[in-house]
Amino acid sequence: MDTVSNLDLNSLASKHFGVPNLTDAQAEAIRAALKQQHVFVYLPTAAGKTLCFTMLPLVYTEILKAPRACIVVVSPLIELMRSQATYLREKGAHPFWRAFL
């Protein structure tokens, strides 16, 4: 087996985030990224997408002992915030949020 397949990702997730075990989808996404594959993570809200990309620098520095890693994440979070604010305005609420781009 290759090095990426043998990494103990659950220990790292537990140590830094208090998550005892990654889901299969999270582990698959992290391992694919570590194999330098392009990764598109499509999971429902609260399914742990953030953990997929926040774990990567830790894996590089703590497990693989790389001096540094550059991780690029494209996230629809700003659009989600906008759509939630629009929904609340339509219901008569007055949400306050500011996006820094």
PDB file of N, CA and C in Angstrom:
ATOM      1  N   MET A   1       0.830  -1.199   0.000  1.00  0.00           N
ATOM      2  CA  MET A   1       0.000   0.000   0.000  1.00  0.00           C
ATOM      3  C   MET A   1       0.868   1.253   0.000  1.00  0.00           C
ATOM      4  N   ASP A   2       0.317   2.328  -0.533  1.00  0.00           N
ATOM      5  CA  ASP A   2       1.077   3.574  -0.557  1.00  0.00           C
ATOM      6  C   ASP A   2       0.958   4.302   0.785  1.00  0.00           C
ATOM      7  N   THR A   3       1.806   5.293   0.994  1.00  0.00           N
ATOM      8  CA  THR A   3       1.852   6.035   2.249  1.00  0.00           C
ATOM      9  C   THR A   3       0.533   6.704   2.577  1.00  0.00           C
ATOM     10  N   VAL A   4      -0.118   7.296   1.604  1.00  0.00           N
ATOM     11  CA  VAL A   4      -1.373   8.014   1.839  1.00  0.00           C
ATOM     12  C   VAL A   4      -2.451   7.075   2.368  1.00  0.00           C
ATOM     13  N   SER A   5      -2.527   5.878   1.849  1.00  0.00           N
ATOM     14  CA  SER A   5      -3.542   4.916   2.289  1.00  0.00           C
ATOM     15  C   SER A   5      -3.335   4.482   3.737  1.00  0.00           C
ATOM     16  N   ASN A   6      -2.102   4.522   4.217  1.00  0.00           N
ATOM     17  CA  ASN A   6      -1.789   4.068   5.568  1.00  0.00           C
ATOM     18  C   ASN A   6      -1.851   5.160   6.630  1.00  0.00           C
ATOM     19  N   LEU A   7      -2.118   6.390   6.255  1.00  0.00           N
ATOM     20  CA  LEU A   7      -2.137   7.486   7.228  1.00  0.00           C
ATOM     21  C   LEU A   7      -3.275   7.308   8.230  1.00  0.00           C
ATOM     22  N   ASP A   8      -2.984   7.596   9.489  1.00  0.00           N
ATOM     23  CA  ASP A   8      -4.000   7.510  10.536  1.00  0.00           C
ATOM     24  C   ASP A   8      -4.695   8.870  10.666  1.00  0.00           C
ATOM     25  N   LEU A   9      -5.647   9.110   9.805  1.00  0.00           N
ATOM     26  CA  LEU A   9      -6.355  10.387   9.785  1.00  0.00           C
ATOM     27  C   LEU A   9      -7.271  10.548  10.993  1.00  0.00           C
ATOM     28  N   ASN A  10      -7.816   9.445  11.493  1.00  0.00           N
ATOM     29  CA  ASN A  10      -8.726   9.540  12.636  1.00  0.00           C
ATOM     30  C   ASN A  10      -8.038  10.058  13.895  1.00  0.00           C
ATOM     31  N   SER A  11      -6.797   9.649  14.111  1.00  0.00           N
ATOM     32  CA  SER A  11      -6.055  10.140  15.280  1.00  0.00           C
ATOM     33  C   SER A  11      -5.849  11.642  15.198  1.00  0.00           C
ATOM     34  N   LEU A  12      -5.521  12.117  14.018  1.00  0.00           N
ATOM     35  CA  LEU A  12      -5.316  13.556  13.822  1.00  0.00           C
ATOM     36  C   LEU A  12      -6.633  14.326  14.014  1.00  0.00           C
ATOM     37  N   ALA A  13      -7.717  13.791  13.479  1.00  0.00           N
ATOM     38  CA  ALA A  13      -9.030  14.435  13.628  1.00  0.00           C
ATOM     39  C   ALA A  13      -9.439  14.485  15.097  1.00  0.00           C
ATOM     40  N   SER A  14      -9.152  13.417  15.802  1.00  0.00           N
ATOM     41  CA  SER A  14      -9.483  13.367  17.230  1.00  0.00           C
ATOM     42  C   SER A  14      -8.634  14.350  18.035  1.00  0.00           C
ATOM     43  N   LYS A  15      -7.359  14.373  17.761  1.00  0.00           N
ATOM     44  CA  LYS A  15      -6.418  15.237  18.486  1.00  0.00           C
ATOM     45  C   LYS A  15      -6.757  16.721  18.328  1.00  0.00           C
ATOM     46  N   HIS A  16      -7.042  17.155  17.107  1.00  0.00           N
ATOM     47  CA  HIS A  16      -7.219  18.582  16.848  1.00  0.00           C
ATOM     48  C   HIS A  16      -8.670  19.057  16.870  1.00  0.00           C
ATOM     49  N   PHE A  17      -9.600  18.174  16.556  1.00  0.00           N
ATOM     50  CA  PHE A  17     -10.988  18.611  16.402  1.00  0.00           C
ATOM     51  C   PHE A  17     -11.964  17.861  17.299  1.00  0.00           C
ATOM     52  N   GLY A  18     -11.488  16.886  18.047  1.00  0.00           N
ATOM     53  CA  GLY A  18     -12.365  16.133  18.932  1.00  0.00           C
ATOM     54  C   GLY A  18     -13.324  15.210  18.193  1.00  0.00           C
ATOM     55  N   VAL A  19     -13.004  14.905  16.956  1.00  0.00           N
ATOM     56  CA  VAL A  19     -13.840  14.026  16.138  1.00  0.00           C
ATOM     57  C   VAL A  19     -13.234  12.621  16.211  1.00  0.00           C
ATOM     58  N   PRO A  20     -13.952  11.653  16.786  1.00  0.00           N
ATOM     59  CA  PRO A  20     -13.355  10.328  16.953  1.00  0.00           C
ATOM     60  C   PRO A  20     -13.056   9.605  15.638  1.00  0.00           C
ATOM     61  N   ASN A  21     -13.938   9.769  14.664  1.00  0.00           N
ATOM     62  CA  ASN A  21     -13.742   9.090  13.383  1.00  0.00           C
ATOM     63  C   ASN A  21     -14.247   9.956  12.244  1.00  0.00           C
ATOM     64  N   LEU A  22     -13.487  10.004  11.179  1.00  0.00           N
ATOM     65  CA  LEU A  22     -13.947  10.674   9.966  1.00  0.00           C
ATOM     66  C   LEU A  22     -14.978   9.785   9.274  1.00  0.00           C
ATOM     67  N   THR A  23     -15.870  10.394   8.527  1.00  0.00           N
ATOM     68  CA  THR A  23     -16.766   9.592   7.704  1.00  0.00           C
ATOM     69  C   THR A  23     -15.959   9.050   6.528  1.00  0.00           C
ATOM     70  N   ASP A  24     -16.507   8.064   5.862  1.00  0.00           N
ATOM     71  CA  ASP A  24     -15.818   7.516   4.684  1.00  0.00           C
ATOM     72  C   ASP A  24     -15.608   8.597   3.627  1.00  0.00           C
ATOM     73  N   ALA A  25     -16.620   9.459   3.449  1.00  0.00           N
ATOM     74  CA  ALA A  25     -16.526  10.523   2.442  1.00  0.00           C
ATOM     75  C   ALA A  25     -15.414  11.513   2.791  1.00  0.00           C
ATOM     76  N   GLN A  26     -15.295  11.878   4.068  1.00  0.00           N
ATOM     77  CA  GLN A  26     -14.237  12.796   4.492  1.00  0.00           C
ATOM     78  C   GLN A  26     -12.859  12.185   4.259  1.00  0.00           C
ATOM     79  N   ALA A  27     -12.678  10.950   4.686  1.00  0.00           N
ATOM     80  CA  ALA A  27     -11.379  10.285   4.518  1.00  0.00           C
ATOM     81  C   ALA A  27     -11.037  10.145   3.042  1.00  0.00           C
ATOM     82  N   GLU A  28     -12.027   9.810   2.230  1.00  0.00           N
ATOM     83  CA  GLU A  28     -11.787   9.669   0.791  1.00  0.00           C
ATOM     84  C   GLU A  28     -11.347  10.995   0.174  1.00  0.00           C
ATOM     85  N   ALA A  29     -12.002  12.084   0.565  1.00  0.00           N
ATOM     86  CA  ALA A  29     -11.649  13.406   0.024  1.00  0.00           C
ATOM     87  C   ALA A  29     -10.240  13.811   0.444  1.00  0.00           C
ATOM     88  N   ILE A  30      -9.908  13.592   1.702  1.00  0.00           N
ATOM     89  CA  ILE A  30      -8.580  13.967   2.206  1.00  0.00           C
ATOM     90  C   ILE A  30      -7.498  13.139   1.513  1.00  0.00           C
ATOM     91  N   ARG A  31      -7.712  11.850   1.404  1.00  0.00           N
ATOM     92  CA  ARG A  31      -6.724  10.979   0.758  1.00  0.00           C
ATOM     93  C   ARG A  31      -6.542  11.335  -0.722  1.00  0.00           C
ATOM     94  N   ALA A  32      -7.629  11.670  -1.398  1.00  0.00           N
ATOM     95  CA  ALA A  32      -7.539  12.064  -2.815  1.00  0.00           C
ATOM     96  C   ALA A  32      -6.719  13.343  -2.952  1.00  0.00           C
ATOM     97  N   ALA A  33      -6.964  14.303  -2.074  1.00  0.00           N
ATOM     98  CA  ALA A  33      -6.201  15.557  -2.129  1.00  0.00           C
ATOM     99  C   ALA A  33      -4.724  15.305  -1.856  1.00  0.00           C
ATOM    100  N   LEU A  34      -4.438  14.423  -0.915  1.00  0.00           N
ATOM    101  CA  LEU A  34      -3.045  14.095  -0.605  1.00  0.00           C
ATOM    102  C   LEU A  34      -2.345  13.391  -1.763  1.00  0.00           C
ATOM    103  N   LYS A  35      -3.135  12.747  -2.622  1.00  0.00           N
ATOM    104  CA  LYS A  35      -2.572  12.121  -3.820  1.00  0.00           C
ATOM    105  C   LYS A  35      -2.494  13.115  -4.971  1.00  0.00           C
ATOM    106  N   GLN A  36      -2.705  14.394  -4.633  1.00  0.00           N
ATOM    107  CA  GLN A  36      -2.634  15.506  -5.583  1.00  0.00           C
ATOM    108  C   GLN A  36      -3.682  15.390  -6.681  1.00  0.00           C
ATOM    109  N   GLN A  37      -4.834  14.868  -6.325  1.00  0.00           N
ATOM    110  CA  GLN A  37      -5.961  14.822  -7.249  1.00  0.00           C
ATOM    111  C   GLN A  37      -6.850  16.037  -6.982  1.00  0.00           C
ATOM    112  N   HIS A  38      -7.538  16.504  -8.001  1.00  0.00           N
ATOM    113  CA  HIS A  38      -8.528  17.550  -7.795  1.00  0.00           C
ATOM    114  C   HIS A  38      -9.696  16.921  -7.046  1.00  0.00           C
ATOM    115  N   VAL A  39     -10.222  17.641  -6.068  1.00  0.00           N
ATOM    116  CA  VAL A  39     -11.282  17.081  -5.238  1.00  0.00           C
ATOM    117  C   VAL A  39     -12.472  18.018  -5.220  1.00  0.00           C
ATOM    118  N   PHE A  40     -13.646  17.471  -5.460  1.00  0.00           N
ATOM    119  CA  PHE A  40     -14.897  18.211  -5.352  1.00  0.00           C
ATOM    120  C   PHE A  40     -15.713  17.499  -4.279  1.00  0.00           C
ATOM    121  N   VAL A  41     -15.916  18.171  -3.150  1.00  0.00           N
ATOM    122  CA  VAL A  41     -16.640  17.562  -2.040  1.00  0.00           C
ATOM    123  C   VAL A  41     -18.063  18.102  -2.050  1.00  0.00           C
ATOM    124  N   TYR A  42     -19.006  17.229  -2.345  1.00  0.00           N
ATOM    125  CA  TYR A  42     -20.410  17.608  -2.401  1.00  0.00           C
ATOM    126  C   TYR A  42     -21.135  16.821  -1.315  1.00  0.00           C
ATOM    127  N   LEU A  43     -21.309  17.464  -0.178  1.00  0.00           N
ATOM    128  CA  LEU A  43     -21.966  16.839   0.965  1.00  0.00           C
ATOM    129  C   LEU A  43     -23.021  17.803   1.503  1.00  0.00           C
ATOM    130  N   PRO A  44     -24.027  17.289   2.185  1.00  0.00           N
ATOM    131  CA  PRO A  44     -25.049  18.174   2.744  1.00  0.00           C
ATOM    132  C   PRO A  44     -24.483  19.067   3.846  1.00  0.00           C
ATOM    133  N   THR A  45     -25.231  20.092   4.189  1.00  0.00           N
ATOM    134  CA  THR A  45     -24.860  20.983   5.277  1.00  0.00           C
ATOM    135  C   THR A  45     -24.625  20.165   6.542  1.00  0.00           C
ATOM    136  N   ALA A  46     -23.571  20.524   7.250  1.00  0.00           N
ATOM    137  CA  ALA A  46     -23.190  19.893   8.529  1.00  0.00           C
ATOM    138  C   ALA A  46     -22.672  18.464   8.365  1.00  0.00           C
ATOM    139  N   ALA A  47     -22.240  18.100   7.164  1.00  0.00           N
ATOM    140  CA  ALA A  47     -21.705  16.759   6.949  1.00  0.00           C
ATOM    141  C   ALA A  47     -20.185  16.712   7.080  1.00  0.00           C
ATOM    142  N   GLY A  48     -19.558  17.849   7.374  1.00  0.00           N
ATOM    143  CA  GLY A  48     -18.131  17.848   7.637  1.00  0.00           C
ATOM    144  C   GLY A  48     -17.225  18.237   6.486  1.00  0.00           C
ATOM    145  N   LYS A  49     -17.728  19.064   5.577  1.00  0.00           N
ATOM    146  CA  LYS A  49     -16.881  19.512   4.459  1.00  0.00           C
ATOM    147  C   LYS A  49     -15.696  20.331   4.965  1.00  0.00           C
ATOM    148  N   THR A  50     -15.935  21.192   5.925  1.00  0.00           N
ATOM    149  CA  THR A  50     -14.873  22.053   6.447  1.00  0.00           C
ATOM    150  C   THR A  50     -13.714  21.228   6.988  1.00  0.00           C
ATOM    151  N   LEU A  51     -14.027  20.149   7.654  1.00  0.00           N
ATOM    152  CA  LEU A  51     -12.979  19.297   8.205  1.00  0.00           C
ATOM    153  C   LEU A  51     -12.093  18.725   7.103  1.00  0.00           C
ATOM    154  N   CYS A  52     -12.673  18.485   5.932  1.00  0.00           N
ATOM    155  CA  CYS A  52     -11.896  17.927   4.816  1.00  0.00           C
ATOM    156  C   CYS A  52     -10.729  18.834   4.439  1.00  0.00           C
ATOM    157  N   PHE A  53     -10.967  20.142   4.378  1.00  0.00           N
ATOM    158  CA  PHE A  53      -9.854  21.003   3.967  1.00  0.00           C
ATOM    159  C   PHE A  53      -9.059  21.564   5.134  1.00  0.00           C
ATOM    160  N   THR A  54      -9.618  21.603   6.342  1.00  0.00           N
ATOM    161  CA  THR A  54      -8.820  22.082   7.467  1.00  0.00           C
ATOM    162  C   THR A  54      -7.847  21.025   7.966  1.00  0.00           C
ATOM    163  N   MET A  55      -8.118  19.775   7.672  1.00  0.00           N
ATOM    164  CA  MET A  55      -7.201  18.699   8.066  1.00  0.00           C
ATOM    165  C   MET A  55      -5.957  18.642   7.191  1.00  0.00           C
ATOM    166  N   LEU A  56      -6.062  19.076   5.939  1.00  0.00           N
ATOM    167  CA  LEU A  56      -4.947  18.905   5.002  1.00  0.00           C
ATOM    168  C   LEU A  56      -3.635  19.532   5.463  1.00  0.00           C
ATOM    169  N   PRO A  57      -3.613  20.799   5.879  1.00  0.00           N
ATOM    170  CA  PRO A  57      -2.324  21.343   6.333  1.00  0.00           C
ATOM    171  C   PRO A  57      -1.757  20.585   7.535  1.00  0.00           C
ATOM    172  N   LEU A  58      -2.635  20.102   8.413  1.00  0.00           N
ATOM    173  CA  LEU A  58      -2.166  19.330   9.566  1.00  0.00           C
ATOM    174  C   LEU A  58      -1.537  18.013   9.133  1.00  0.00           C
ATOM    175  N   VAL A  59      -2.141  17.365   8.160  1.00  0.00           N
ATOM    176  CA  VAL A  59      -1.576  16.106   7.652  1.00  0.00           C
ATOM    177  C   VAL A  59      -0.196  16.362   7.061  1.00  0.00           C
ATOM    178  N   TYR A  60      -0.086  17.412   6.268  1.00  0.00           N
ATOM    179  CA  TYR A  60       1.215  17.717   5.650  1.00  0.00           C
ATOM    180  C   TYR A  60       2.280  18.016   6.692  1.00  0.00           C
ATOM    181  N   THR A  61       1.946  18.826   7.694  1.00  0.00           N
ATOM    182  CA  THR A  61       2.971  19.241   8.649  1.00  0.00           C
ATOM    183  C   THR A  61       3.224  18.225   9.757  1.00  0.00           C
ATOM    184  N   GLU A  62       2.170  17.585  10.273  1.00  0.00           N
ATOM    185  CA  GLU A  62       2.356  16.684  11.412  1.00  0.00           C
ATOM    186  C   GLU A  62       2.674  15.247  11.021  1.00  0.00           C
ATOM    187  N   ILE A  63       2.065  14.759   9.963  1.00  0.00           N
ATOM    188  CA  ILE A  63       2.274  13.359   9.594  1.00  0.00           C
ATOM    189  C   ILE A  63       3.345  13.221   8.520  1.00  0.00           C
ATOM    190  N   LEU A  64       3.232  13.999   7.476  1.00  0.00           N
ATOM    191  CA  LEU A  64       4.181  13.889   6.371  1.00  0.00           C
ATOM    192  C   LEU A  64       5.442  14.717   6.580  1.00  0.00           C
ATOM    193  N   LYS A  65       5.441  15.544   7.629  1.00  0.00           N
ATOM    194  CA  LYS A  65       6.598  16.376   7.993  1.00  0.00           C
ATOM    195  C   LYS A  65       7.042  17.309   6.870  1.00  0.00           C
ATOM    196  N   ALA A  66       6.087  17.771   6.080  1.00  0.00           N
ATOM    197  CA  ALA A  66       6.394  18.740   5.024  1.00  0.00           C
ATOM    198  C   ALA A  66       6.528  20.119   5.669  1.00  0.00           C
ATOM    199  N   PRO A  67       7.457  20.945   5.200  1.00  0.00           N
ATOM    200  CA  PRO A  67       7.643  22.260   5.816  1.00  0.00           C
ATOM    201  C   PRO A  67       6.449  23.189   5.636  1.00  0.00           C
ATOM    202  N   ARG A  68       5.725  23.050   4.546  1.00  0.00           N
ATOM    203  CA  ARG A  68       4.555  23.896   4.315  1.00  0.00           C
ATOM    204  C   ARG A  68       3.701  23.298   3.203  1.00  0.00           C
ATOM    205  N   ALA A  69       2.458  23.723   3.167  1.00  0.00           N
ATOM    206  CA  ALA A  69       1.541  23.248   2.135  1.00  0.00           C
ATOM    207  C   ALA A  69       0.600  24.389   1.770  1.00  0.00           C
ATOM    208  N   CYS A  70       0.232  24.443   0.519  1.00  0.00           N
ATOM    209  CA  CYS A  70      -0.715  25.453   0.053  1.00  0.00           C
ATOM    210  C   CYS A  70      -2.002  24.735  -0.341  1.00  0.00           C
ATOM    211  N   ILE A  71      -3.089  25.098   0.307  1.00  0.00           N
ATOM    212  CA  ILE A  71      -4.382  24.478   0.045  1.00  0.00           C
ATOM    213  C   ILE A  71      -5.318  25.560  -0.479  1.00  0.00           C
ATOM    214  N   VAL A  72      -5.916  25.340  -1.629  1.00  0.00           N
ATOM    215  CA  VAL A  72      -6.864  26.297  -2.216  1.00  0.00           C
ATOM    216  C   VAL A  72      -8.256  25.701  -2.100  1.00  0.00           C
ATOM    217  N   VAL A  73      -9.156  26.473  -1.493  1.00  0.00           N
ATOM    218  CA  VAL A  73     -10.525  26.012  -1.285  1.00  0.00           C
ATOM    219  C   VAL A  73     -11.471  26.997  -1.941  1.00  0.00           C
ATOM    220  N   VAL A  74     -12.361  26.491  -2.752  1.00  0.00           N
ATOM    221  CA  VAL A  74     -13.410  27.308  -3.352  1.00  0.00           C
ATOM    222  C   VAL A  74     -14.698  26.914  -2.643  1.00  0.00           C
ATOM    223  N   SER A  75     -15.299  27.856  -1.952  1.00  0.00           N
ATOM    224  CA  SER A  75     -16.463  27.553  -1.132  1.00  0.00           C
ATOM    225  C   SER A  75     -17.645  28.440  -1.503  1.00  0.00           C
ATOM    226  N   PRO A  76     -18.833  27.859  -1.540  1.00  0.00           N
ATOM    227  CA  PRO A  76     -20.038  28.654  -1.832  1.00  0.00           C
ATOM    228  C   PRO A  76     -20.614  29.311  -0.586  1.00  0.00           C
ATOM    229  N   LEU A  77     -19.856  29.409   0.495  1.00  0.00           N
ATOM    230  CA  LEU A  77     -20.391  29.902   1.758  1.00  0.00           C
ATOM    231  C   LEU A  77     -20.987  31.300   1.644  1.00  0.00           C
ATOM    232  N   ILE A  78     -20.324  32.211   0.948  1.00  0.00           N
ATOM    233  CA  ILE A  78     -20.846  33.573   0.821  1.00  0.00           C
ATOM    234  C   ILE A  78     -22.215  33.549   0.146  1.00  0.00           C
ATOM    235  N   GLU A  79     -22.361  32.754  -0.897  1.00  0.00           N
ATOM    236  CA  GLU A  79     -23.660  32.668  -1.574  1.00  0.00           C
ATOM    237  C   GLU A  79     -24.711  32.059  -0.663  1.00  0.00           C
ATOM    238  N   LEU A  80     -24.328  31.095   0.147  1.00  0.00           N
ATOM    239  CA  LEU A  80     -25.265  30.518   1.115  1.00  0.00           C
ATOM    240  C   LEU A  80     -25.722  31.586   2.099  1.00  0.00           C
ATOM    241  N   MET A  81     -24.788  32.395   2.597  1.00  0.00           N
ATOM    242  CA  MET A  81     -25.149  33.469   3.527  1.00  0.00           C
ATOM    243  C   MET A  81     -26.103  34.452   2.868  1.00  0.00           C
ATOM    244  N   ARG A  82     -25.824  34.803   1.611  1.00  0.00           N
ATOM    245  CA  ARG A  82     -26.696  35.726   0.880  1.00  0.00           C
ATOM    246  C   ARG A  82     -28.106  35.168   0.743  1.00  0.00           C
ATOM    247  N   SER A  83     -28.202  33.892   0.356  1.00  0.00           N
ATOM    248  CA  SER A  83     -29.533  33.309   0.154  1.00  0.00           C
ATOM    249  C   SER A  83     -30.285  33.196   1.472  1.00  0.00           C
ATOM    250  N   GLN A  84     -29.575  32.917   2.568  1.00  0.00           N
ATOM    251  CA  GLN A  84     -30.233  32.863   3.875  1.00  0.00           C
ATOM    252  C   GLN A  84     -30.718  34.251   4.289  1.00  0.00           C
ATOM    253  N   ALA A  85     -29.915  35.279   4.054  1.00  0.00           N
ATOM    254  CA  ALA A  85     -30.320  36.649   4.391  1.00  0.00           C
ATOM    255  C   ALA A  85     -31.522  37.080   3.551  1.00  0.00           C
ATOM    256  N   THR A  86     -31.519  36.725   2.271  1.00  0.00           N
ATOM    257  CA  THR A  86     -32.656  37.052   1.396  1.00  0.00           C
ATOM    258  C   THR A  86     -33.916  36.375   1.903  1.00  0.00           C
ATOM    259  N   TYR A  87     -33.807  35.121   2.262  1.00  0.00           N
ATOM    260  CA  TYR A  87     -34.951  34.379   2.783  1.00  0.00           C
ATOM    261  C   TYR A  87     -35.497  35.056   4.042  1.00  0.00           C
ATOM    262  N   LEU A  88     -34.600  35.431   4.948  1.00  0.00           N
ATOM    263  CA  LEU A  88     -35.039  36.080   6.190  1.00  0.00           C
ATOM    264  C   LEU A  88     -35.705  37.420   5.918  1.00  0.00           C
ATOM    265  N   ARG A  89     -35.150  38.190   4.966  1.00  0.00           N
ATOM    266  CA  ARG A  89     -35.773  39.479   4.603  1.00  0.00           C
ATOM    267  C   ARG A  89     -37.174  39.263   4.045  1.00  0.00           C
ATOM    268  N   GLU A  90     -37.326  38.229   3.222  1.00  0.00           N
ATOM    269  CA  GLU A  90     -38.641  37.921   2.650  1.00  0.00           C
ATOM    270  C   GLU A  90     -39.649  37.548   3.728  1.00  0.00           C
ATOM    271  N   LYS A  91     -39.173  37.027   4.839  1.00  0.00           N
ATOM    272  CA  LYS A  91     -40.042  36.645   5.956  1.00  0.00           C
ATOM    273  C   LYS A  91     -40.236  37.788   6.950  1.00  0.00           C
ATOM    274  N   GLY A  92     -39.660  38.958   6.643  1.00  0.00           N
ATOM    275  CA  GLY A  92     -39.855  40.128   7.503  1.00  0.00           C
ATOM    276  C   GLY A  92     -38.763  40.374   8.523  1.00  0.00           C
ATOM    277  N   ALA A  93     -37.748  39.527   8.557  1.00  0.00           N
ATOM    278  CA  ALA A  93     -36.634  39.735   9.495  1.00  0.00           C
ATOM    279  C   ALA A  93     -35.630  40.694   8.865  1.00  0.00           C
ATOM    280  N   HIS A  94     -34.759  41.227   9.668  1.00  0.00           N
ATOM    281  CA  HIS A  94     -33.743  42.164   9.181  1.00  0.00           C
ATOM    282  C   HIS A  94     -32.362  41.652   9.582  1.00  0.00           C
ATOM    283  N   PRO A  95     -31.849  40.669   8.842  1.00  0.00           N
ATOM    284  CA  PRO A  95     -30.542  40.097   9.205  1.00  0.00           C
ATOM    285  C   PRO A  95     -29.419  41.101   8.959  1.00  0.00           C
ATOM    286  N   PHE A  96     -28.420  41.033   9.792  1.00  0.00           N
ATOM    287  CA  PHE A  96     -27.239  41.863   9.609  1.00  0.00           C
ATOM    288  C   PHE A  96     -26.061  40.942   9.365  1.00  0.00           C
ATOM    289  N   TRP A  97     -25.421  41.098   8.263  1.00  0.00           N
ATOM    290  CA  TRP A  97     -24.197  40.363   7.979  1.00  0.00           C
ATOM    291  C   TRP A  97     -23.376  41.160   7.011  1.00  0.00           C
ATOM    292  N   ARG A  98     -22.117  40.928   7.035  1.00  0.00           N
ATOM    293  CA  ARG A  98     -21.203  41.612   6.135  1.00  0.00           C
ATOM    294  C   ARG A  98     -20.189  40.607   5.635  1.00  0.00           C
ATOM    295  N   ALA A  99     -20.004  40.575   4.348  1.00  0.00           N
ATOM    296  CA  ALA A  99     -19.025  39.662   3.761  1.00  0.00           C
ATOM    297  C   ALA A  99     -17.765  40.448   3.416  1.00  0.00           C
ATOM    298  N   PHE A 100     -16.658  39.929   3.819  1.00  0.00           N
ATOM    299  CA  PHE A 100     -15.383  40.531   3.476  1.00  0.00           C
ATOM    300  C   PHE A 100     -14.763  39.687   2.373  1.00  0.00           C
ATOM    301  N   LEU A 101     -14.632  40.246   1.203  1.00  0.00           N
ATOM    302  CA  LEU A 101     -14.077  39.493   0.080  1.00  0.00           C
ATOM    303  C   LEU A 101     -12.673  39.963  -0.238  1.00  0.00           C
TER     304      LEU A 101
END
